[in-house]
C-alpha atoms as a PDB file:
ATOM      1  CA  MET A   1     -50.453   8.315  55.124  1.00  0.00           C
ATOM      2  CA  GLU A   2     -50.334  11.438  53.057  1.00  0.00           C
ATOM      3  CA  LEU A   3     -49.700  14.286  55.490  1.00  0.00           C
ATOM      4  CA  SER A   4     -48.899  17.893  54.812  1.00  0.00           C
ATOM      5  CA  ALA A   5     -45.379  18.981  55.752  1.00  0.00           C
ATOM      6  CA  ALA A   6     -46.814  20.873  58.736  1.00  0.00           C
ATOM      7  CA  ASP A   7     -48.751  17.840  59.992  1.00  0.00           C
ATOM      8  CA  ALA A   8     -45.793  15.502  59.462  1.00  0.00           C
ATOM      9  CA  GLY A   9     -43.621  17.897  61.467  1.00  0.00           C
ATOM     10  CA  ALA A  10     -46.186  18.070  64.261  1.00  0.00           C
ATOM     11  CA  TRP A  11     -46.491  14.266  64.409  1.00  0.00           C
ATOM     12  CA  ARG A  12     -42.708  13.955  64.537  1.00  0.00           C
ATOM     13  CA  ASP A  13     -42.399  16.616  67.248  1.00  0.00           C
ATOM     14  CA  VAL A  14     -45.028  15.131  69.568  1.00  0.00           C
ATOM     15  CA  GLY A  15     -43.339  11.757  69.218  1.00  0.00           C
ATOM     16  CA  ARG A  16     -40.022  13.300  70.181  1.00  0.00           C
ATOM     17  CA  TRP A  17     -41.224  15.429  73.105  1.00  0.00           C
ATOM     18  CA  HIS A  18     -44.170  13.678  74.769  1.00  0.00           C
ATOM     19  CA  ASP A  19     -42.121  11.512  77.142  1.00  0.00           C
ATOM     20  CA  VAL A  20     -39.258  13.909  77.838  1.00  0.00           C
ATOM     21  CA  TYR A  21     -40.200  13.908  81.557  1.00  0.00           C
ATOM     22  CA  ARG A  22     -41.547  10.336  81.788  1.00  0.00           C
ATOM     23  CA  ASP A  23     -38.861   9.304  84.282  1.00  0.00           C
ATOM     24  CA  ALA A  24     -38.670  12.605  86.147  1.00  0.00           C
ATOM     25  CA  ASP A  25     -39.014  12.658  89.882  1.00  0.00           C
ATOM     26  CA  GLU A  26     -42.428  13.301  91.416  1.00  0.00           C
ATOM     27  CA  ALA A  27     -41.429  16.453  93.323  1.00  0.00           C
ATOM     28  CA  PHE A  28     -40.088  18.005  90.106  1.00  0.00           C
ATOM     29  CA  LEU A  29     -43.248  17.153  88.144  1.00  0.00           C
ATOM     30  CA  ARG A  30     -45.546  18.468  90.859  1.00  0.00           C
ATOM     31  CA  SER A  31     -43.551  21.683  91.215  1.00  0.00           C
ATOM     32  CA  LEU A  32     -43.555  22.239  87.454  1.00  0.00           C
ATOM     33  CA  THR A  33     -47.267  21.527  86.970  1.00  0.00           C
ATOM     34  CA  GLY A  34     -48.605  22.745  90.316  1.00  0.00           C
ATOM     35  CA  ASP A  35     -50.765  19.613  90.369  1.00  0.00           C
ATOM     36  CA  ALA A  36     -50.996  17.946  93.772  1.00  0.00           C
ATOM     37  CA  GLU A  37     -53.965  15.704  92.881  1.00  0.00           C
ATOM     38  CA  ARG A  38     -53.343  13.574  89.807  1.00  0.00           C
ATOM     39  CA  PRO A  39     -51.326  10.370  89.972  1.00  0.00           C
ATOM     40  CA  VAL A  40     -47.677  11.056  89.193  1.00  0.00           C
ATOM     41  CA  GLY A  41     -47.851   8.945  86.023  1.00  0.00           C
ATOM     42  CA  MET A  42     -50.208  11.512  84.507  1.00  0.00           C
ATOM     43  CA  LEU A  43     -47.942  14.512  85.095  1.00  0.00           C
ATOM     44  CA  HIS A  44     -45.127  14.073  82.582  1.00  0.00           C
ATOM     45  CA  GLY A  45     -47.304  15.153  79.638  1.00  0.00           C
ATOM     46  CA  PRO A  46     -48.509  18.390  81.235  1.00  0.00           C
ATOM     47  CA  ALA A  47     -44.955  19.105  82.460  1.00  0.00           C
ATOM     48  CA  ALA A  48     -43.532  18.646  78.966  1.00  0.00           C
ATOM     49  CA  ALA A  49     -46.245  20.811  77.401  1.00  0.00           C
ATOM     50  CA  LEU A  50     -45.669  23.598  79.938  1.00  0.00           C
ATOM     51  CA  THR A  51     -41.919  23.511  79.322  1.00  0.00           C
ATOM     52  CA  LEU A  52     -42.340  23.562  75.550  1.00  0.00           C
ATOM     53  CA  GLU A  53     -44.812  26.444  75.761  1.00  0.00           C
ATOM     54  CA  HIS A  54     -42.402  28.361  77.998  1.00  0.00           C
ATOM     55  CA  GLU A  55     -39.671  27.746  75.409  1.00  0.00           C
ATOM     56  CA  GLY A  56     -41.818  29.191  72.621  1.00  0.00           C
ATOM     57  CA  GLU A  57     -43.807  26.292  71.178  1.00  0.00           C
ATOM     58  CA  SER A  58     -47.077  27.807  69.990  1.00  0.00           C
ATOM     59  CA  ARG A  59     -48.789  25.042  68.025  1.00  0.00           C
ATOM     60  CA  ARG A  60     -51.852  24.404  70.190  1.00  0.00           C
ATOM     61  CA  GLU A  61     -52.449  20.971  68.663  1.00  0.00           C
ATOM     62  CA  VAL A  62     -48.889  19.901  69.528  1.00  0.00           C
ATOM     63  CA  LEU A  63     -49.126  21.232  73.085  1.00  0.00           C
ATOM     64  CA  ASP A  64     -52.526  19.631  73.689  1.00  0.00           C
ATOM     65  CA  ALA A  65     -51.416  16.289  72.230  1.00  0.00           C
ATOM     66  CA  ILE A  66     -48.460  16.184  74.599  1.00  0.00           C
ATOM     67  CA  ARG A  67     -50.382  17.548  77.586  1.00  0.00           C
ATOM     68  CA  TRP A  68     -53.171  14.960  77.378  1.00  0.00           C
ATOM     69  CA  HIS A  69     -51.442  11.928  75.819  1.00  0.00           C
ATOM     70  CA  THR A  70     -51.859   9.760  78.934  1.00  0.00           C
ATOM     71  CA  VAL A  71     -55.598  10.388  79.396  1.00  0.00           C
ATOM     72  CA  GLY A  72     -56.955  11.635  76.075  1.00  0.00           C
ATOM     73  CA  SER A  73     -58.862  14.700  74.945  1.00  0.00           C
ATOM     74  CA  THR A  74     -62.129  15.229  73.100  1.00  0.00           C
ATOM     75  CA  GLN A  75     -60.563  18.311  71.495  1.00  0.00           C
ATOM     76  CA  TRP A  76     -57.903  16.401  69.570  1.00  0.00           C
ATOM     77  CA  ARG A  77     -57.672  16.219  65.842  1.00  0.00           C
ATOM     78  CA  SER A  78     -55.132  14.042  64.049  1.00  0.00           C
ATOM     79  CA  VAL A  79     -51.959  14.967  65.973  1.00  0.00           C
ATOM     80  CA  GLY A  80     -53.312  14.117  69.432  1.00  0.00           C
ATOM     81  CA  ARG A  81     -55.077  11.022  68.185  1.00  0.00           C
ATOM     82  CA  ALA A  82     -51.947   9.811  66.404  1.00  0.00           C
ATOM     83  CA  LEU A  83     -49.841  10.266  69.541  1.00  0.00           C
ATOM     84  CA  TYR A  84     -52.395   8.472  71.723  1.00  0.00           C
ATOM     85  CA  MET A  85     -52.376   5.532  69.326  1.00  0.00           C
ATOM     86  CA  ALA A  86     -48.596   5.515  68.869  1.00  0.00           C
ATOM     87  CA  ASP A  87     -48.038   5.531  72.616  1.00  0.00           C
ATOM     88  CA  PHE A  88     -50.155   2.377  72.902  1.00  0.00           C
ATOM     89  CA  LEU A  89     -49.075   0.677  69.660  1.00  0.00           C
ATOM     90  CA  GLU A  90     -45.339   1.226  70.153  1.00  0.00           C
ATOM     91  CA  PRO A  91     -43.581  -1.924  68.887  1.00  0.00           C
ATOM     92  CA  GLY A  92     -41.279  -2.303  71.905  1.00  0.00           C
ATOM     93  CA  ARG A  93     -44.100  -2.997  74.342  1.00  0.00           C
ATOM     94  CA  MET A  94     -44.431  -6.626  75.396  1.00  0.00           C
ATOM     95  CA  PHE A  95     -48.217  -7.013  75.742  1.00  0.00           C
ATOM     96  CA  MET A  96     -50.730  -7.926  73.032  1.00  0.00           C
ATOM     97  CA  GLN A  97     -47.988  -7.884  70.416  1.00  0.00           C
ATOM     98  CA  ALA A  98     -49.913  -9.521  67.575  1.00  0.00           C
ATOM     99  CA  ASP A  99     -53.049  -7.416  68.188  1.00  0.00           C
ATOM    100  CA  ARG A 100     -51.091  -4.186  68.436  1.00  0.00           C
ATOM    101  CA  THR A 101     -49.089  -4.985  65.297  1.00  0.00           C
ATOM    102  CA  PHE A 102     -52.322  -5.652  63.408  1.00  0.00           C
ATOM    103  CA  LEU A 103     -53.825  -2.355  64.620  1.00  0.00           C
ATOM    104  CA  ALA A 104     -50.680  -0.389  63.780  1.00  0.00           C
ATOM    105  CA  ASP A 105     -50.773  -1.769  60.241  1.00  0.00           C
ATOM    106  CA  GLN A 106     -54.373  -0.563  59.884  1.00  0.00           C
ATOM    107  CA  VAL A 107     -53.747   3.063  60.940  1.00  0.00           C
ATOM    108  CA  PRO A 108     -53.113   4.451  57.419  1.00  0.00           C
ATOM    109  CA  ARG A 109     -56.341   2.920  56.059  1.00  0.00           C
ATOM    110  CA  ALA A 110     -58.638   3.115  59.079  1.00  0.00           C
ATOM    111  CA  PHE A 111     -57.289   5.907  61.288  1.00  0.00           C
ATOM    112  CA  ASP A 112     -60.543   6.672  63.137  1.00  0.00           C
ATOM    113  CA  ALA A 113     -61.522   3.021  63.621  1.00  0.00           C
ATOM    114  CA  VAL A 114     -58.107   2.152  65.041  1.00  0.00           C
ATOM    115  CA  PHE A 115     -58.249   5.183  67.303  1.00  0.00           C
ATOM    116  CA  ARG A 116     -61.596   4.034  68.683  1.00  0.00           C
ATOM    117  CA  GLN A 117     -60.220   0.530  69.263  1.00  0.00           C
ATOM    118  CA  VAL A 118     -57.136   1.881  71.053  1.00  0.00           C
ATOM    119  CA  VAL A 119     -59.325   4.026  73.324  1.00  0.00           C
ATOM    120  CA  ARG A 120     -61.423   0.943  74.111  1.00  0.00           C
ATOM    121  CA  LEU A 121     -58.398  -1.245  74.814  1.00  0.00           C
ATOM    122  CA  ARG A 122     -56.825   1.348  77.077  1.00  0.00           C
ATOM    123  CA  LEU A 123     -60.098   1.724  78.995  1.00  0.00           C
ATOM    124  CA  GLU A 124     -60.417  -2.039  79.369  1.00  0.00           C
ATOM    125  CA  TRP A 125     -56.866  -2.296  80.698  1.00  0.00           C
ATOM    126  CA  THR A 126     -57.419   0.528  83.189  1.00  0.00           C
ATOM    127  CA  ILE A 127     -60.592  -1.092  84.508  1.00  0.00           C
ATOM    128  CA  ARG A 128     -59.026  -4.565  84.605  1.00  0.00           C
ATOM    129  CA  GLU A 129     -56.092  -3.208  86.614  1.00  0.00           C
ATOM    130  CA  GLY A 130     -58.502  -1.588  89.092  1.00  0.00           C
ATOM    131  CA  LYS A 131     -57.287   1.909  88.337  1.00  0.00           C
ATOM    132  CA  SER A 132     -59.405   5.047  88.338  1.00  0.00           C
ATOM    133  CA  LEU A 133     -60.628   6.446  85.045  1.00  0.00           C
ATOM    134  CA  ALA A 134     -59.667  10.037  84.389  1.00  0.00           C
ATOM    135  CA  PRO A 135     -62.658  12.225  83.503  1.00  0.00           C
ATOM    136  CA  GLU A 136     -60.911  13.130  80.232  1.00  0.00           C
ATOM    137  CA  THR A 137     -60.668   9.440  79.313  1.00  0.00           C
ATOM    138  CA  VAL A 138     -64.360   8.836  79.975  1.00  0.00           C
ATOM    139  CA  ALA A 139     -65.259  11.899  77.900  1.00  0.00           C
ATOM    140  CA  LEU A 140     -62.998  10.683  75.091  1.00  0.00           C
ATOM    141  CA  TRP A 141     -64.681   7.270  75.062  1.00  0.00           C
ATOM    142  CA  ASN A 142     -68.130   8.867  75.044  1.00  0.00           C
ATOM    143  CA  SER A 143     -67.085  10.997  72.063  1.00  0.00           C
ATOM    144  CA  VAL A 144     -65.876   8.063  69.925  1.00  0.00           C
ATOM    145  CA  ARG A 145     -68.157   5.154  70.797  1.00  0.00           C
END
């Protein structure tokens, strides 16, 4: 994809920082975010975004991409959408390998269509696993369907 230097830097930075607290302990994540409600698996993004903001990161699109990468956001433009897709399409994951490889190959030519498909697949998985849908995820689906 042809990205500006600023966009390429933002994409690189969200990829580097979004999971910095993925394996952090629940008490730490809850104390950092002040969130006592959400499942712990949804807290590492907000915790990372808060830390980065505290350390001087001011690019709103970068902060929002990291903050919402586990549930999605209707406010995203390319950076958040790219991170959401990359998190799902990551080559090292062991599920749906052929399908995910095909989708990843399509991103440069059909960015929005692949994004929609990734949102759909993530929703299907969440429902199939009997998990609750975050309101942000439902809103995201309703904005792209």
